[in-house]
N, C-alpha and C. Protein backbone atom coordinates (compact mmCIF):
# COMPACT_ATOMS: atom_id res chain seq x y z
N MET A 1 -62.31 4.46 -75.70
CA MET A 1 -61.82 3.81 -74.51
C MET A 1 -60.84 4.74 -73.82
N SER A 2 -61.02 4.91 -72.54
CA SER A 2 -60.13 5.80 -71.81
C SER A 2 -59.05 5.01 -71.09
N VAL A 3 -57.92 5.63 -70.92
CA VAL A 3 -56.78 5.04 -70.23
C VAL A 3 -56.61 5.79 -68.92
N SER A 4 -56.41 5.04 -67.83
CA SER A 4 -56.21 5.71 -66.55
C SER A 4 -54.87 6.43 -66.53
N SER A 5 -54.64 7.21 -65.48
CA SER A 5 -53.41 8.00 -65.40
C SER A 5 -52.15 7.14 -65.37
N ASN A 6 -52.26 5.88 -64.94
CA ASN A 6 -51.08 5.00 -64.93
C ASN A 6 -51.06 4.06 -66.14
N GLY A 7 -51.90 4.33 -67.15
CA GLY A 7 -51.87 3.56 -68.39
C GLY A 7 -52.65 2.26 -68.37
N VAL A 8 -53.40 1.98 -67.31
CA VAL A 8 -54.14 0.73 -67.20
C VAL A 8 -55.43 0.81 -68.01
N LEU A 9 -55.60 -0.17 -68.94
CA LEU A 9 -56.82 -0.25 -69.74
C LEU A 9 -57.85 -1.18 -69.09
N LEU A 10 -57.36 -2.24 -68.44
CA LEU A 10 -58.25 -3.24 -67.84
C LEU A 10 -57.65 -3.72 -66.53
N GLU A 11 -58.46 -3.77 -65.49
CA GLU A 11 -58.02 -4.30 -64.20
C GLU A 11 -59.05 -5.30 -63.71
N VAL A 12 -58.57 -6.50 -63.34
CA VAL A 12 -59.44 -7.57 -62.84
C VAL A 12 -58.92 -7.96 -61.47
N ARG A 13 -59.84 -8.07 -60.51
CA ARG A 13 -59.46 -8.44 -59.15
C ARG A 13 -60.25 -9.66 -58.70
N ASP A 14 -59.54 -10.65 -58.17
CA ASP A 14 -60.13 -11.83 -57.54
C ASP A 14 -61.10 -12.57 -58.47
N LEU A 15 -60.67 -12.83 -59.70
CA LEU A 15 -61.49 -13.53 -60.69
C LEU A 15 -61.65 -14.99 -60.27
N LYS A 16 -62.89 -15.49 -60.33
CA LYS A 16 -63.19 -16.88 -59.98
C LYS A 16 -64.13 -17.46 -61.02
N THR A 17 -63.83 -18.66 -61.47
CA THR A 17 -64.70 -19.39 -62.38
C THR A 17 -64.73 -20.85 -61.93
N TYR A 18 -65.92 -21.38 -61.78
CA TYR A 18 -66.09 -22.76 -61.34
C TYR A 18 -66.94 -23.52 -62.36
N PHE A 19 -66.67 -24.82 -62.47
CA PHE A 19 -67.48 -25.69 -63.32
C PHE A 19 -68.25 -26.64 -62.43
N TYR A 20 -69.48 -26.92 -62.83
CA TYR A 20 -70.33 -27.83 -62.08
C TYR A 20 -70.17 -29.23 -62.61
N ARG A 21 -70.08 -30.20 -61.72
CA ARG A 21 -70.10 -31.60 -62.14
C ARG A 21 -71.34 -32.24 -61.53
N ARG A 22 -71.84 -33.24 -62.17
CA ARG A 22 -73.05 -33.90 -61.68
C ARG A 22 -72.83 -34.56 -60.32
N GLY A 23 -73.69 -34.26 -59.40
CA GLY A 23 -73.62 -34.89 -58.08
C GLY A 23 -74.35 -36.22 -58.08
N ARG A 24 -74.14 -36.98 -57.06
CA ARG A 24 -74.80 -38.27 -56.95
C ARG A 24 -76.26 -38.07 -56.58
N PHE A 25 -77.13 -38.81 -57.22
CA PHE A 25 -78.56 -38.81 -56.93
C PHE A 25 -79.21 -37.44 -57.10
N GLY A 26 -78.61 -36.57 -57.91
CA GLY A 26 -79.18 -35.26 -58.19
C GLY A 26 -79.04 -34.25 -57.08
N VAL A 27 -78.29 -34.59 -56.05
CA VAL A 27 -78.08 -33.67 -54.93
C VAL A 27 -76.90 -32.77 -55.26
N ILE A 28 -77.09 -31.45 -55.11
CA ILE A 28 -76.02 -30.50 -55.39
C ILE A 28 -75.31 -30.17 -54.08
N ARG A 29 -74.00 -30.40 -54.09
CA ARG A 29 -73.19 -30.13 -52.91
C ARG A 29 -72.06 -29.20 -53.28
N ARG A 30 -71.45 -28.59 -52.30
CA ARG A 30 -70.34 -27.67 -52.52
C ARG A 30 -69.19 -28.36 -53.27
N GLU A 31 -68.93 -29.62 -52.96
CA GLU A 31 -67.82 -30.33 -53.62
C GLU A 31 -68.12 -30.71 -55.07
N ASP A 32 -69.33 -30.42 -55.55
CA ASP A 32 -69.66 -30.67 -56.95
C ASP A 32 -69.21 -29.55 -57.87
N TYR A 33 -68.64 -28.48 -57.31
CA TYR A 33 -68.11 -27.38 -58.11
C TYR A 33 -66.59 -27.45 -58.13
N VAL A 34 -66.03 -27.48 -59.33
CA VAL A 34 -64.59 -27.62 -59.51
C VAL A 34 -64.02 -26.26 -59.93
N PRO A 35 -63.04 -25.73 -59.18
CA PRO A 35 -62.48 -24.43 -59.56
C PRO A 35 -61.60 -24.52 -60.80
N ALA A 36 -61.83 -23.62 -61.73
CA ALA A 36 -60.97 -23.52 -62.92
C ALA A 36 -59.98 -22.37 -62.71
N VAL A 37 -60.49 -21.26 -62.24
CA VAL A 37 -59.69 -20.08 -61.91
C VAL A 37 -60.18 -19.61 -60.56
N ASP A 38 -59.27 -19.36 -59.62
CA ASP A 38 -59.71 -19.02 -58.27
C ASP A 38 -58.81 -17.94 -57.68
N GLY A 39 -59.31 -16.71 -57.64
CA GLY A 39 -58.58 -15.62 -56.99
C GLY A 39 -57.48 -14.99 -57.83
N VAL A 40 -57.67 -14.94 -59.14
CA VAL A 40 -56.65 -14.36 -60.03
C VAL A 40 -56.91 -12.86 -60.21
N SER A 41 -55.87 -12.08 -60.08
CA SER A 41 -55.95 -10.63 -60.30
C SER A 41 -54.88 -10.22 -61.30
N PHE A 42 -55.21 -9.26 -62.15
CA PHE A 42 -54.23 -8.77 -63.13
C PHE A 42 -54.69 -7.42 -63.67
N HIS A 43 -53.78 -6.74 -64.33
CA HIS A 43 -54.15 -5.53 -65.06
C HIS A 43 -53.36 -5.50 -66.36
N LEU A 44 -53.95 -4.85 -67.35
CA LEU A 44 -53.32 -4.70 -68.66
C LEU A 44 -53.14 -3.22 -68.95
N ARG A 45 -51.95 -2.91 -69.39
CA ARG A 45 -51.66 -1.53 -69.81
C ARG A 45 -51.70 -1.45 -71.33
N GLU A 46 -51.76 -0.27 -71.82
CA GLU A 46 -51.77 -0.05 -73.26
C GLU A 46 -50.56 -0.73 -73.90
N GLY A 47 -50.81 -1.52 -74.95
CA GLY A 47 -49.75 -2.21 -75.67
C GLY A 47 -49.41 -3.59 -75.13
N GLU A 48 -50.00 -4.02 -74.00
CA GLU A 48 -49.73 -5.35 -73.44
C GLU A 48 -50.77 -6.35 -73.93
N THR A 49 -50.39 -7.63 -73.88
CA THR A 49 -51.27 -8.72 -74.27
C THR A 49 -51.24 -9.77 -73.17
N LEU A 50 -52.37 -10.40 -72.91
CA LEU A 50 -52.46 -11.44 -71.89
C LEU A 50 -53.10 -12.67 -72.50
N GLY A 51 -52.55 -13.84 -72.21
CA GLY A 51 -53.14 -15.10 -72.64
C GLY A 51 -53.31 -16.00 -71.43
N LEU A 52 -54.47 -16.63 -71.29
CA LEU A 52 -54.74 -17.57 -70.23
C LEU A 52 -54.88 -18.94 -70.86
N VAL A 53 -54.03 -19.87 -70.48
CA VAL A 53 -53.98 -21.19 -71.10
C VAL A 53 -54.25 -22.25 -70.05
N GLY A 54 -55.05 -23.22 -70.41
CA GLY A 54 -55.35 -24.32 -69.50
C GLY A 54 -55.59 -25.59 -70.28
N GLU A 55 -55.99 -26.61 -69.56
CA GLU A 55 -56.27 -27.89 -70.20
C GLU A 55 -57.43 -27.74 -71.17
N SER A 56 -57.38 -28.51 -72.25
CA SER A 56 -58.50 -28.47 -73.20
C SER A 56 -59.50 -29.56 -72.81
N GLY A 57 -60.75 -29.27 -73.03
CA GLY A 57 -61.80 -30.24 -72.73
C GLY A 57 -62.15 -30.24 -71.25
N TYR A 58 -63.29 -30.80 -70.97
CA TYR A 58 -63.79 -30.83 -69.60
C TYR A 58 -63.41 -32.13 -68.92
N GLY A 59 -63.44 -33.24 -69.66
CA GLY A 59 -63.11 -34.53 -69.04
C GLY A 59 -64.26 -35.04 -68.19
N ASP A 60 -64.01 -36.09 -67.47
CA ASP A 60 -65.02 -36.69 -66.61
C ASP A 60 -64.67 -36.46 -65.17
N TRP A 61 -65.22 -35.39 -64.59
CA TRP A 61 -64.94 -35.04 -63.19
C TRP A 61 -65.71 -35.91 -62.23
N ASN A 62 -66.76 -36.55 -62.70
CA ASN A 62 -67.60 -37.34 -61.80
C ASN A 62 -67.00 -38.74 -61.68
N THR A 63 -66.07 -38.90 -60.77
CA THR A 63 -65.35 -40.17 -60.62
C THR A 63 -65.93 -41.02 -59.50
N GLN A 64 -67.03 -40.61 -58.92
CA GLN A 64 -67.63 -41.37 -57.82
C GLN A 64 -68.36 -42.57 -58.32
């Protein structure tokens, strides 16, 4: 594994992760996707550690 000149091992830009919830009547709409992570950027240098913590479980997003 190579290290860049400024010591960065990993760089992530604009990370996005969405979860799908069931739409009504089987129709898929934009509002059926729930953002979990939206637009996160970070970098890790040698010797650093990163932890991403969130709610456990998915729950029932389909409240309609």
